[in-house]
């Protein structure tokens, strides 16, 4: 892991070229400096460096808890993207209007690599994470540069990538009527769609281009419109931006199976052998970030996938989203 020491005129330096598992850039304080105060003068510089490296770790700054984390997010001056307005499948709990818990799924569940909300028409450009309490064991956050993954996939699976580029992807997911805390995708359709009844849910889904089927026990199965699987970032870099890894490996509960979760955008099947190779190649590029209490990480959601390793003991990771974006 590379390190960049404050004060921050130095942050204008590009990170060195290291191996493709190198994440994140580590920013350390030069004395007991307040991170929000520091960012007030150089948030733009930090975002410029983030555009090059994909993820930045802030470690060793005074720990001000959830309220301090909220202040750090505010210091960037970025448009908020609240949990309430998102179409996230994850069960979370709000701490403030900009801060909420990370996925509340049971600790023994792996949350596989994904770009946040890439399976929906709206997604955040930036993610913030804060470690309120490190796990007794496990609980690392795997990070993977999806531009590097795309390069590897184009070498190993060119036909698959060609289909991804031409056709995009559709995602099918069944949401419960009431939140299911034992699932990594257990947020209820009422909360996900911000509605109270079926009629409003159908209106919302229609406006977003989804297809839907009502299932037993008030479950709601939805299929997204065709969404891109490869995007070009504002800086001109192609990235493998989707939820294919997470959906194939992790969308498993009493309502969902990986086999029924994915098709190409035209409805044609995606070869399971391609998805298995994708899973293996993605994790070959992973850096597992081992959390220390007080750590904060800023992620460019266009460039870096993240996940969660299983853990034991108590673990507290908070999250925030910024800059609503659309496919």
C-alpha atoms as a PDB file:
ATOM      1  CA  UNK A   1       0.000   0.000   0.000  1.00  0.00           C
ATOM      2  CA  UNK A   2       1.426   3.370  -1.015  1.00  0.00           C
ATOM      3  CA  UNK A   3       1.407   6.307   1.372  1.00  0.00           C
ATOM      4  CA  UNK A   4       1.042  10.016   0.831  1.00  0.00           C
ATOM      5  CA  UNK A   5       1.719  12.257   3.809  1.00  0.00           C
ATOM      6  CA  UNK A   6      -0.028  15.555   4.501  1.00  0.00           C
ATOM      7  CA  UNK A   7       0.233  18.579   4.224  1.00  0.00           C
ATOM      8  CA  UNK A   8      -1.797  18.388   1.066  1.00  0.00           C
ATOM      9  CA  UNK A   9      -0.029  20.382  -1.630  1.00  0.00           C
ATOM     10  CA  UNK A  10       1.695  17.002  -2.012  1.00  0.00           C
ATOM     11  CA  UNK A  11      -1.572  15.324  -2.952  1.00  0.00           C
ATOM     12  CA  UNK A  12      -1.350  16.750  -6.446  1.00  0.00           C
ATOM     13  CA  UNK A  13       1.250  14.066  -7.183  1.00  0.00           C
ATOM     14  CA  UNK A  14      -0.076  11.107  -9.140  1.00  0.00           C
ATOM     15  CA  UNK A  15       0.176   7.753  -7.362  1.00  0.00           C
ATOM     16  CA  UNK A  16       3.029   5.528  -8.526  1.00  0.00           C
ATOM     17  CA  UNK A  17       2.433   2.702 -10.982  1.00  0.00           C
ATOM     18  CA  UNK A  18       2.142  -0.457  -8.882  1.00  0.00           C
ATOM     19  CA  UNK A  19       0.585  -3.880  -9.453  1.00  0.00           C
ATOM     20  CA  UNK A  20      -3.097  -4.079 -10.306  1.00  0.00           C
ATOM     21  CA  UNK A  21      -4.119  -5.100  -6.771  1.00  0.00           C
ATOM     22  CA  UNK A  22      -2.814  -1.815  -5.379  1.00  0.00           C
ATOM     23  CA  UNK A  23      -5.645  -0.158  -3.468  1.00  0.00           C
ATOM     24  CA  UNK A  24      -6.220   2.183  -1.773  1.00  0.00           C
ATOM     25  CA  UNK A  25      -3.906   5.195  -1.700  1.00  0.00           C
ATOM     26  CA  UNK A  26      -3.220   5.887   1.973  1.00  0.00           C
ATOM     27  CA  UNK A  27      -3.355   9.483   3.224  1.00  0.00           C
ATOM     28  CA  UNK A  28      -1.849  10.101   6.661  1.00  0.00           C
ATOM     29  CA  UNK A  29      -2.046  13.290   8.757  1.00  0.00           C
ATOM     30  CA  UNK A  30       0.994  15.386   9.544  1.00  0.00           C
ATOM     31  CA  UNK A  31       0.043  16.021  13.160  1.00  0.00           C
ATOM     32  CA  UNK A  32      -3.361  16.225  14.920  1.00  0.00           C
ATOM     33  CA  UNK A  33      -5.149  17.928  12.037  1.00  0.00           C
ATOM     34  CA  UNK A  34      -8.927  17.862  11.577  1.00  0.00           C
ATOM     35  CA  UNK A  35      -9.861  16.059   8.370  1.00  0.00           C
ATOM     36  CA  UNK A  36     -12.896  18.300   7.615  1.00  0.00           C
ATOM     37  CA  UNK A  37     -10.715  21.387   8.110  1.00  0.00           C
ATOM     38  CA  UNK A  38      -8.088  19.910   5.792  1.00  0.00           C
ATOM     39  CA  UNK A  39     -10.666  19.085   3.147  1.00  0.00           C
ATOM     40  CA  UNK A  40     -12.093  22.577   3.250  1.00  0.00           C
ATOM     41  CA  UNK A  41      -8.931  23.696   1.428  1.00  0.00           C
ATOM     42  CA  UNK A  42      -8.212  20.729  -0.818  1.00  0.00           C
ATOM     43  CA  UNK A  43     -11.322  18.621  -1.512  1.00  0.00           C
ATOM     44  CA  UNK A  44     -10.891  19.261  -5.231  1.00  0.00           C
ATOM     45  CA  UNK A  45      -7.313  18.009  -5.114  1.00  0.00           C
ATOM     46  CA  UNK A  46      -8.411  14.864  -3.297  1.00  0.00           C
ATOM     47  CA  UNK A  47     -11.061  14.145  -5.945  1.00  0.00           C
ATOM     48  CA  UNK A  48      -8.494  14.732  -8.710  1.00  0.00           C
ATOM     49  CA  UNK A  49      -6.211  12.116  -7.164  1.00  0.00           C
ATOM     50  CA  UNK A  50      -9.176   9.789  -6.628  1.00  0.00           C
ATOM     51  CA  UNK A  51      -9.840   9.969 -10.367  1.00  0.00           C
ATOM     52  CA  UNK A  52      -6.422   8.396 -10.887  1.00  0.00           C
ATOM     53  CA  UNK A  53      -6.275   5.816  -8.102  1.00  0.00           C
ATOM     54  CA  UNK A  54      -9.936   4.890  -7.491  1.00  0.00           C
ATOM     55  CA  UNK A  55      -9.864   4.710  -3.691  1.00  0.00           C
ATOM     56  CA  UNK A  56      -8.278   6.757  -0.885  1.00  0.00           C
ATOM     57  CA  UNK A  57      -7.849   5.660   2.725  1.00  0.00           C
ATOM     58  CA  UNK A  58      -7.779   8.344   5.435  1.00  0.00           C
ATOM     59  CA  UNK A  59      -6.057   6.786   8.452  1.00  0.00           C
ATOM     60  CA  UNK A  60      -4.788   8.259  11.705  1.00  0.00           C
ATOM     61  CA  UNK A  61      -6.969  11.367  11.756  1.00  0.00           C
ATOM     62  CA  UNK A  62      -8.822  12.291  14.978  1.00  0.00           C
ATOM     63  CA  UNK A  63     -11.814   9.958  15.280  1.00  0.00           C
ATOM     64  CA  UNK A  64     -15.022  11.935  15.791  1.00  0.00           C
ATOM     65  CA  UNK A  65     -17.422   9.014  15.344  1.00  0.00           C
ATOM     66  CA  UNK A  66     -20.509   9.006  13.155  1.00  0.00           C
ATOM     67  CA  UNK A  67     -20.992  12.763  13.503  1.00  0.00           C
ATOM     68  CA  UNK A  68     -17.415  13.380  12.397  1.00  0.00           C
ATOM     69  CA  UNK A  69     -17.903  11.046   9.457  1.00  0.00           C
ATOM     70  CA  UNK A  70     -20.958  13.061   8.447  1.00  0.00           C
ATOM     71  CA  UNK A  71     -18.841  16.223   8.608  1.00  0.00           C
ATOM     72  CA  UNK A  72     -16.160  14.672   6.384  1.00  0.00           C
ATOM     73  CA  UNK A  73     -18.747  13.825   3.732  1.00  0.00           C
ATOM     74  CA  UNK A  74     -20.170  17.346   3.940  1.00  0.00           C
ATOM     75  CA  UNK A  75     -16.667  18.814   3.548  1.00  0.00           C
ATOM     76  CA  UNK A  76     -16.475  17.615  -0.050  1.00  0.00           C
ATOM     77  CA  UNK A  77     -19.480  19.711  -1.061  1.00  0.00           C
ATOM     78  CA  UNK A  78     -20.908  16.871  -3.155  1.00  0.00           C
ATOM     79  CA  UNK A  79     -24.603  16.413  -3.887  1.00  0.00           C
ATOM     80  CA  UNK A  80     -26.148  13.937  -1.429  1.00  0.00           C
ATOM     81  CA  UNK A  81     -27.655  10.595  -2.416  1.00  0.00           C
ATOM     82  CA  UNK A  82     -29.723   9.370   0.515  1.00  0.00           C
ATOM     83  CA  UNK A  83     -30.494   5.746   1.337  1.00  0.00           C
ATOM     84  CA  UNK A  84     -34.215   6.563   1.204  1.00  0.00           C
ATOM     85  CA  UNK A  85     -34.055   7.721  -2.424  1.00  0.00           C
ATOM     86  CA  UNK A  86     -31.841   4.855  -3.573  1.00  0.00           C
ATOM     87  CA  UNK A  87     -33.005   1.538  -5.045  1.00  0.00           C
ATOM     88  CA  UNK A  88     -30.498  -0.374  -2.926  1.00  0.00           C
ATOM     89  CA  UNK A  89     -31.483  -3.966  -2.069  1.00  0.00           C
ATOM     90  CA  UNK A  90     -29.551  -3.890   1.216  1.00  0.00           C
ATOM     91  CA  UNK A  91     -31.088  -3.486   4.674  1.00  0.00           C
ATOM     92  CA  UNK A  92     -29.480  -0.480   6.389  1.00  0.00           C
ATOM     93  CA  UNK A  93     -30.153   1.870   9.310  1.00  0.00           C
ATOM     94  CA  UNK A  94     -29.852   5.648   9.060  1.00  0.00           C
ATOM     95  CA  UNK A  95     -27.581   7.542  11.475  1.00  0.00           C
ATOM     96  CA  UNK A  96     -28.072  10.939   9.828  1.00  0.00           C
ATOM     97  CA  UNK A  97     -29.422  12.245   6.545  1.00  0.00           C
ATOM     98  CA  UNK A  98     -26.077  11.343   4.908  1.00  0.00           C
ATOM     99  CA  UNK A  99     -24.831   8.428   7.022  1.00  0.00           C
ATOM    100  CA  UNK A 100     -26.214   4.912   7.393  1.00  0.00           C
ATOM    101  CA  UNK A 101     -24.984   1.469   8.327  1.00  0.00           C
ATOM    102  CA  UNK A 102     -23.398  -0.749   5.723  1.00  0.00           C
ATOM    103  CA  UNK A 103     -25.320  -3.867   4.672  1.00  0.00           C
ATOM    104  CA  UNK A 104     -26.921  -5.401   7.783  1.00  0.00           C
ATOM    105  CA  UNK A 105     -26.703  -8.961   6.408  1.00  0.00           C
ATOM    106  CA  UNK A 106     -25.581 -11.653   8.914  1.00  0.00           C
ATOM    107  CA  UNK A 107     -21.812 -11.722   9.506  1.00  0.00           C
ATOM    108  CA  UNK A 108     -21.318 -15.203   8.040  1.00  0.00           C
ATOM    109  CA  UNK A 109     -22.512 -14.071   4.600  1.00  0.00           C
ATOM    110  CA  UNK A 110     -20.007 -12.991   1.964  1.00  0.00           C
ATOM    111  CA  UNK A 111     -21.044  -9.869   0.077  1.00  0.00           C
ATOM    112  CA  UNK A 112     -19.459 -10.242  -3.329  1.00  0.00           C
ATOM    113  CA  UNK A 113     -17.778  -7.600  -5.463  1.00  0.00           C
ATOM    114  CA  UNK A 114     -20.101  -5.019  -6.978  1.00  0.00           C
ATOM    115  CA  UNK A 115     -20.421  -1.434  -8.051  1.00  0.00           C
ATOM    116  CA  UNK A 116     -22.934   0.216  -5.752  1.00  0.00           C
ATOM    117  CA  UNK A 117     -26.420   0.133  -7.309  1.00  0.00           C
ATOM    118  CA  UNK A 118     -25.113  -0.708 -10.790  1.00  0.00           C
ATOM    119  CA  UNK A 119     -28.153  -2.999 -11.122  1.00  0.00           C
ATOM    120  CA  UNK A 120     -30.475   0.030 -11.014  1.00  0.00           C
ATOM    121  CA  UNK A 121     -30.994   3.035 -13.315  1.00  0.00           C
ATOM    122  CA  UNK A 122     -29.581   5.397 -10.656  1.00  0.00           C
ATOM    123  CA  UNK A 123     -26.304   4.942  -8.814  1.00  0.00           C
ATOM    124  CA  UNK A 124     -23.907   7.071  -6.721  1.00  0.00           C
ATOM    125  CA  UNK A 125     -20.672   8.337  -8.206  1.00  0.00           C
ATOM    126  CA  UNK A 126     -18.896   8.315  -4.840  1.00  0.00           C
ATOM    127  CA  UNK A 127     -18.974   6.050  -1.763  1.00  0.00           C
ATOM    128  CA  UNK A 128     -17.685   6.824   1.715  1.00  0.00           C
ATOM    129  CA  UNK A 129     -16.990   4.177   4.361  1.00  0.00           C
ATOM    130  CA  UNK A 130     -16.053   4.659   8.013  1.00  0.00           C
ATOM    131  CA  UNK A 131     -14.964   2.017  10.519  1.00  0.00           C
ATOM    132  CA  UNK A 132     -16.774   2.641  13.772  1.00  0.00           C
ATOM    133  CA  UNK A 133     -15.622  -0.706  15.162  1.00  0.00           C
ATOM    134  CA  UNK A 134     -13.315  -3.279  13.570  1.00  0.00           C
ATOM    135  CA  UNK A 135     -14.364  -6.933  13.687  1.00  0.00           C
ATOM    136  CA  UNK A 136     -12.669  -9.380  16.034  1.00  0.00           C
ATOM    137  CA  UNK A 137     -11.685 -11.454  12.992  1.00  0.00           C
ATOM    138  CA  UNK A 138     -12.385 -11.138   9.285  1.00  0.00           C
ATOM    139  CA  UNK A 139     -14.652  -8.440   7.884  1.00  0.00           C
ATOM    140  CA  UNK A 140     -12.184  -7.035   5.348  1.00  0.00           C
ATOM    141  CA  UNK A 141     -13.536  -5.029   2.420  1.00  0.00           C
ATOM    142  CA  UNK A 142     -12.288  -6.449  -0.886  1.00  0.00           C
ATOM    143  CA  UNK A 143     -11.532  -3.758  -3.469  1.00  0.00           C
ATOM    144  CA  UNK A 144     -11.034  -4.299  -7.209  1.00  0.00           C
ATOM    145  CA  UNK A 145     -10.261  -1.832 -10.009  1.00  0.00           C
ATOM    146  CA  UNK A 146     -12.821  -2.592 -12.700  1.00  0.00           C
ATOM    147  CA  UNK A 147     -10.812  -0.911 -15.461  1.00  0.00           C
ATOM    148  CA  UNK A 148      -8.023  -3.400 -14.726  1.00  0.00           C
ATOM    149  CA  UNK A 149     -10.581  -6.212 -14.642  1.00  0.00           C
ATOM    150  CA  UNK A 150     -11.963  -5.143 -18.010  1.00  0.00           C
ATOM    151  CA  UNK A 151      -8.473  -5.290 -19.537  1.00  0.00           C
ATOM    152  CA  UNK A 152      -8.047  -8.836 -18.229  1.00  0.00           C
ATOM    153  CA  UNK A 153     -11.485  -9.933 -19.409  1.00  0.00           C
ATOM    154  CA  UNK A 154     -10.852  -8.582 -22.900  1.00  0.00           C
ATOM    155  CA  UNK A 155      -7.779 -10.825 -23.044  1.00  0.00           C
ATOM    156  CA  UNK A 156      -9.382 -13.943 -21.565  1.00  0.00           C
ATOM    157  CA  UNK A 157     -13.090 -13.652 -22.528  1.00  0.00           C
ATOM    158  CA  UNK A 158     -13.316 -11.367 -25.573  1.00  0.00           C
ATOM    159  CA  UNK A 159     -16.595 -12.888 -26.817  1.00  0.00           C
ATOM    160  CA  UNK A 160     -18.263 -12.388 -23.448  1.00  0.00           C
ATOM    161  CA  UNK A 161     -17.087  -8.784 -23.235  1.00  0.00           C
ATOM    162  CA  UNK A 162     -18.276  -8.128 -26.760  1.00  0.00           C
ATOM    163  CA  UNK A 163     -21.774  -9.272 -25.752  1.00  0.00           C
ATOM    164  CA  UNK A 164     -21.628  -7.165 -22.589  1.00  0.00           C
ATOM    165  CA  UNK A 165     -20.769  -4.089 -24.634  1.00  0.00           C
ATOM    166  CA  UNK A 166     -23.428  -4.680 -27.306  1.00  0.00           C
ATOM    167  CA  UNK A 167     -26.323  -5.991 -25.240  1.00  0.00           C
ATOM    168  CA  UNK A 168     -25.944  -4.786 -21.662  1.00  0.00           C
ATOM    169  CA  UNK A 169     -27.524  -6.759 -18.811  1.00  0.00           C
ATOM    170  CA  UNK A 170     -30.925  -7.286 -17.188  1.00  0.00           C
ATOM    171  CA  UNK A 171     -31.219  -8.121 -13.492  1.00  0.00           C
ATOM    172  CA  UNK A 172     -34.116 -10.026 -11.907  1.00  0.00           C
ATOM    173  CA  UNK A 173     -34.629  -9.808  -8.171  1.00  0.00           C
ATOM    174  CA  UNK A 174     -37.462 -10.670  -5.786  1.00  0.00           C
ATOM    175  CA  UNK A 175     -38.060  -8.232  -2.930  1.00  0.00           C
ATOM    176  CA  UNK A 176     -39.975  -9.159   0.240  1.00  0.00           C
ATOM    177  CA  UNK A 177     -43.058  -7.331   1.469  1.00  0.00           C
ATOM    178  CA  UNK A 178     -41.326  -6.812   4.815  1.00  0.00           C
ATOM    179  CA  UNK A 179     -37.580  -6.411   5.398  1.00  0.00           C
ATOM    180  CA  UNK A 180     -35.676  -9.706   5.619  1.00  0.00           C
ATOM    181  CA  UNK A 181     -32.662  -9.169   7.919  1.00  0.00           C
ATOM    182  CA  UNK A 182     -31.077 -12.555   7.116  1.00  0.00           C
ATOM    183  CA  UNK A 183     -30.617 -11.700   3.431  1.00  0.00           C
ATOM    184  CA  UNK A 184     -28.005  -9.496   1.825  1.00  0.00           C
ATOM    185  CA  UNK A 185     -30.783  -8.353  -0.550  1.00  0.00           C
ATOM    186  CA  UNK A 186     -33.564  -8.181   2.027  1.00  0.00           C
ATOM    187  CA  UNK A 187     -34.837  -4.605   1.804  1.00  0.00           C
ATOM    188  CA  UNK A 188     -38.608  -4.575   1.339  1.00  0.00           C
ATOM    189  CA  UNK A 189     -40.184  -3.339  -1.887  1.00  0.00           C
ATOM    190  CA  UNK A 190     -42.024  -0.680   0.106  1.00  0.00           C
ATOM    191  CA  UNK A 191     -38.736   0.800   1.353  1.00  0.00           C
ATOM    192  CA  UNK A 192     -36.828   0.206  -1.890  1.00  0.00           C
ATOM    193  CA  UNK A 193     -39.451   1.962  -4.000  1.00  0.00           C
ATOM    194  CA  UNK A 194     -40.468   4.468  -1.284  1.00  0.00           C
ATOM    195  CA  UNK A 195     -44.150   3.507  -1.600  1.00  0.00           C
ATOM    196  CA  UNK A 196     -46.875   2.199   0.705  1.00  0.00           C
ATOM    197  CA  UNK A 197     -48.958   0.002  -1.607  1.00  0.00           C
ATOM    198  CA  UNK A 198     -49.042  -2.073  -4.771  1.00  0.00           C
ATOM    199  CA  UNK A 199     -50.535   0.571  -7.041  1.00  0.00           C
ATOM    200  CA  UNK A 200     -47.829   3.093  -6.231  1.00  0.00           C
ATOM    201  CA  UNK A 201     -45.172   0.386  -6.559  1.00  0.00           C
ATOM    202  CA  UNK A 202     -46.363  -0.457 -10.074  1.00  0.00           C
ATOM    203  CA  UNK A 203     -46.412   3.207 -11.077  1.00  0.00           C
ATOM    204  CA  UNK A 204     -42.843   3.645  -9.835  1.00  0.00           C
ATOM    205  CA  UNK A 205     -41.618   0.518 -11.615  1.00  0.00           C
ATOM    206  CA  UNK A 206     -43.330   1.544 -14.844  1.00  0.00           C
ATOM    207  CA  UNK A 207     -41.664   4.960 -14.723  1.00  0.00           C
ATOM    208  CA  UNK A 208     -38.260   3.270 -14.324  1.00  0.00           C
ATOM    209  CA  UNK A 209     -38.769   0.809 -17.174  1.00  0.00           C
ATOM    210  CA  UNK A 210     -39.022  -2.333 -15.023  1.00  0.00           C
ATOM    211  CA  UNK A 211     -41.151  -5.426 -15.567  1.00  0.00           C
ATOM    212  CA  UNK A 212     -42.727  -7.013 -12.483  1.00  0.00           C
ATOM    213  CA  UNK A 213     -44.664 -10.018 -11.169  1.00  0.00           C
ATOM    214  CA  UNK A 214     -46.367 -10.298  -7.796  1.00  0.00           C
ATOM    215  CA  UNK A 215     -45.439 -13.483  -5.928  1.00  0.00           C
ATOM    216  CA  UNK A 216     -46.844 -15.138  -2.828  1.00  0.00           C
ATOM    217  CA  UNK A 217     -46.452 -13.576   0.636  1.00  0.00           C
ATOM    218  CA  UNK A 218     -46.442 -10.083  -0.936  1.00  0.00           C
ATOM    219  CA  UNK A 219     -43.085 -10.723  -2.584  1.00  0.00           C
ATOM    220  CA  UNK A 220     -42.424  -8.651  -5.697  1.00  0.00           C
ATOM    221  CA  UNK A 221     -40.215  -9.917  -8.532  1.00  0.00           C
ATOM    222  CA  UNK A 222     -38.775  -7.174 -10.723  1.00  0.00           C
ATOM    223  CA  UNK A 223     -36.664  -7.225 -13.872  1.00  0.00           C
ATOM    224  CA  UNK A 224     -34.628  -4.171 -14.769  1.00  0.00           C
ATOM    225  CA  UNK A 225     -34.541  -2.551 -18.185  1.00  0.00           C
ATOM    226  CA  UNK A 226     -31.351  -3.322 -20.145  1.00  0.00           C
ATOM    227  CA  UNK A 227     -28.499  -1.592 -18.318  1.00  0.00           C
ATOM    228  CA  UNK A 228     -24.912  -1.092 -19.495  1.00  0.00           C
ATOM    229  CA  UNK A 229     -22.303  -3.612 -18.399  1.00  0.00           C
ATOM    230  CA  UNK A 230     -19.394  -1.458 -19.598  1.00  0.00           C
ATOM    231  CA  UNK A 231     -19.223   2.303 -19.098  1.00  0.00           C
ATOM    232  CA  UNK A 232     -16.805   5.035 -20.114  1.00  0.00           C
ATOM    233  CA  UNK A 233     -15.864   7.357 -17.255  1.00  0.00           C
ATOM    234  CA  UNK A 234     -15.766  11.156 -17.654  1.00  0.00           C
ATOM    235  CA  UNK A 235     -11.973  10.871 -17.939  1.00  0.00           C
ATOM    236  CA  UNK A 236     -12.336   8.473 -20.905  1.00  0.00           C
ATOM    237  CA  UNK A 237     -11.540   5.134 -19.229  1.00  0.00           C
ATOM    238  CA  UNK A 238     -13.673   2.066 -19.963  1.00  0.00           C
ATOM    239  CA  UNK A 239     -14.788   0.183 -16.831  1.00  0.00           C
ATOM    240  CA  UNK A 240     -16.617  -3.094 -16.186  1.00  0.00           C
ATOM    241  CA  UNK A 241     -19.494  -1.415 -14.375  1.00  0.00           C
ATOM    242  CA  UNK A 242     -22.237  -3.830 -13.322  1.00  0.00           C
ATOM    243  CA  UNK A 243     -23.422  -6.261 -10.640  1.00  0.00           C
ATOM    244  CA  UNK A 244     -22.596  -9.487 -12.479  1.00  0.00           C
ATOM    245  CA  UNK A 245     -20.166 -10.860  -9.889  1.00  0.00           C
ATOM    246  CA  UNK A 246     -22.419 -10.124  -6.911  1.00  0.00           C
ATOM    247  CA  UNK A 247     -25.603 -11.347  -8.583  1.00  0.00           C
ATOM    248  CA  UNK A 248     -24.037 -14.576  -9.853  1.00  0.00           C
ATOM    249  CA  UNK A 249     -22.209 -15.454  -6.638  1.00  0.00           C
ATOM    250  CA  UNK A 250     -24.295 -13.850  -3.945  1.00  0.00           C
ATOM    251  CA  UNK A 251     -27.952 -13.262  -4.808  1.00  0.00           C
ATOM    252  CA  UNK A 252     -29.041 -16.361  -2.925  1.00  0.00           C
ATOM    253  CA  UNK A 253     -31.873 -16.442  -0.405  1.00  0.00           C
ATOM    254  CA  UNK A 254     -35.264 -18.110  -0.080  1.00  0.00           C
ATOM    255  CA  UNK A 255     -36.645 -15.886  -2.860  1.00  0.00           C
ATOM    256  CA  UNK A 256     -33.670 -15.603  -5.209  1.00  0.00           C
ATOM    257  CA  UNK A 257     -31.253 -17.846  -7.084  1.00  0.00           C
ATOM    258  CA  UNK A 258     -28.238 -16.795  -9.101  1.00  0.00           C
ATOM    259  CA  UNK A 259     -29.400 -18.822 -12.092  1.00  0.00           C
ATOM    260  CA  UNK A 260     -32.511 -16.674 -12.466  1.00  0.00           C
ATOM    261  CA  UNK A 261     -30.909 -13.325 -11.714  1.00  0.00           C
ATOM    262  CA  UNK A 262     -29.086 -12.477 -14.948  1.00  0.00           C
ATOM    263  CA  UNK A 263     -29.544 -12.274 -18.697  1.00  0.00           C
ATOM    264  CA  UNK A 264     -28.060 -10.119 -21.378  1.00  0.00           C
ATOM    265  CA  UNK A 265     -30.095  -7.041 -22.216  1.00  0.00           C
ATOM    266  CA  UNK A 266     -31.958  -8.816 -25.030  1.00  0.00           C
ATOM    267  CA  UNK A 267     -33.045 -11.603 -22.664  1.00  0.00           C
ATOM    268  CA  UNK A 268     -30.519 -14.153 -23.925  1.00  0.00           C
ATOM    269  CA  UNK A 269     -28.684 -16.373 -21.449  1.00  0.00           C
ATOM    270  CA  UNK A 270     -25.226 -15.597 -20.106  1.00  0.00           C
ATOM    271  CA  UNK A 271     -22.991 -18.673 -20.164  1.00  0.00           C
ATOM    272  CA  UNK A 272     -22.385 -19.923 -16.630  1.00  0.00           C
ATOM    273  CA  UNK A 273     -18.815 -20.829 -17.582  1.00  0.00           C
ATOM    274  CA  UNK A 274     -18.172 -17.158 -18.460  1.00  0.00           C
ATOM    275  CA  UNK A 275     -19.599 -16.018 -15.142  1.00  0.00           C
ATOM    276  CA  UNK A 276     -17.463 -18.538 -13.256  1.00  0.00           C
ATOM    277  CA  UNK A 277     -14.325 -17.265 -15.007  1.00  0.00           C
ATOM    278  CA  UNK A 278     -15.394 -13.687 -14.336  1.00  0.00           C
ATOM    279  CA  UNK A 279     -15.696 -14.461 -10.633  1.00  0.00           C
ATOM    280  CA  UNK A 280     -12.235 -16.034 -10.518  1.00  0.00           C
ATOM    281  CA  UNK A 281     -10.560 -13.239 -12.499  1.00  0.00           C
ATOM    282  CA  UNK A 282     -12.184 -10.477 -10.446  1.00  0.00           C
ATOM    283  CA  UNK A 283     -10.955 -11.936  -7.169  1.00  0.00           C
ATOM    284  CA  UNK A 284      -7.462 -12.463  -8.604  1.00  0.00           C
ATOM    285  CA  UNK A 285      -7.197  -8.629  -8.660  1.00  0.00           C
ATOM    286  CA  UNK A 286      -8.606  -8.007  -5.178  1.00  0.00           C
ATOM    287  CA  UNK A 287      -6.947  -6.126  -2.356  1.00  0.00           C
ATOM    288  CA  UNK A 288      -8.582  -6.969   0.999  1.00  0.00           C
ATOM    289  CA  UNK A 289      -8.659  -3.851   3.126  1.00  0.00           C
ATOM    290  CA  UNK A 290      -8.306  -4.831   6.802  1.00  0.00           C
ATOM    291  CA  UNK A 291     -10.138  -2.176   8.802  1.00  0.00           C
ATOM    292  CA  UNK A 292      -8.785  -0.285  11.773  1.00  0.00           C
ATOM    293  CA  UNK A 293     -11.198   1.643  13.957  1.00  0.00           C
ATOM    294  CA  UNK A 294     -11.363   5.234  12.708  1.00  0.00           C
ATOM    295  CA  UNK A 295     -10.455   4.416   9.098  1.00  0.00           C
ATOM    296  CA  UNK A 296     -12.352   6.224   6.339  1.00  0.00           C
ATOM    297  CA  UNK A 297     -12.272   5.253   2.675  1.00  0.00           C
ATOM    298  CA  UNK A 298     -13.487   7.302  -0.290  1.00  0.00           C
ATOM    299  CA  UNK A 299     -14.263   5.244  -3.415  1.00  0.00           C
ATOM    300  CA  UNK A 300     -14.908   6.252  -7.004  1.00  0.00           C
ATOM    301  CA  UNK A 301     -17.872   3.963  -7.670  1.00  0.00           C
ATOM    302  CA  UNK A 302     -17.238   4.056 -11.421  1.00  0.00           C
ATOM    303  CA  UNK A 303     -13.755   2.584 -11.060  1.00  0.00           C
ATOM    304  CA  UNK A 304     -13.704   0.378  -7.976  1.00  0.00           C
ATOM    305  CA  UNK A 305     -15.863  -2.562  -6.924  1.00  0.00           C
ATOM    306  CA  UNK A 306     -16.183  -3.466  -3.269  1.00  0.00           C
ATOM    307  CA  UNK A 307     -17.645  -6.215  -1.097  1.00  0.00           C
ATOM    308  CA  UNK A 308     -17.492  -7.652   2.433  1.00  0.00           C
ATOM    309  CA  UNK A 309     -15.722 -10.691   3.807  1.00  0.00           C
ATOM    310  CA  UNK A 310     -17.452 -12.743   6.534  1.00  0.00           C
ATOM    311  CA  UNK A 311     -16.466 -11.874  10.085  1.00  0.00           C
ATOM    312  CA  UNK A 312     -16.827 -12.829  13.727  1.00  0.00           C
ATOM    313  CA  UNK A 313     -17.546 -10.562  16.655  1.00  0.00           C
ATOM    314  CA  UNK A 314     -19.057  -7.130  16.428  1.00  0.00           C
ATOM    315  CA  UNK A 315     -18.277  -4.968  13.388  1.00  0.00           C
ATOM    316  CA  UNK A 316     -19.506  -1.454  12.678  1.00  0.00           C
ATOM    317  CA  UNK A 317     -19.024   0.084   9.224  1.00  0.00           C
ATOM    318  CA  UNK A 318     -20.939   3.214   8.249  1.00  0.00           C
ATOM    319  CA  UNK A 319     -21.493   4.421   4.705  1.00  0.00           C
ATOM    320  CA  UNK A 320     -22.485   7.497   2.750  1.00  0.00           C
ATOM    321  CA  UNK A 321     -23.288   8.121  -0.910  1.00  0.00           C
ATOM    322  CA  UNK A 322     -22.835  11.189  -3.084  1.00  0.00           C
ATOM    323  CA  UNK A 323     -23.603  12.539  -6.561  1.00  0.00           C
ATOM    324  CA  UNK A 324     -26.636  10.718  -7.983  1.00  0.00           C
ATOM    325  CA  UNK A 325     -25.883   9.483 -11.501  1.00  0.00           C
ATOM    326  CA  UNK A 326     -27.904   7.735 -14.204  1.00  0.00           C
ATOM    327  CA  UNK A 327     -27.201   5.167 -16.895  1.00  0.00           C
END
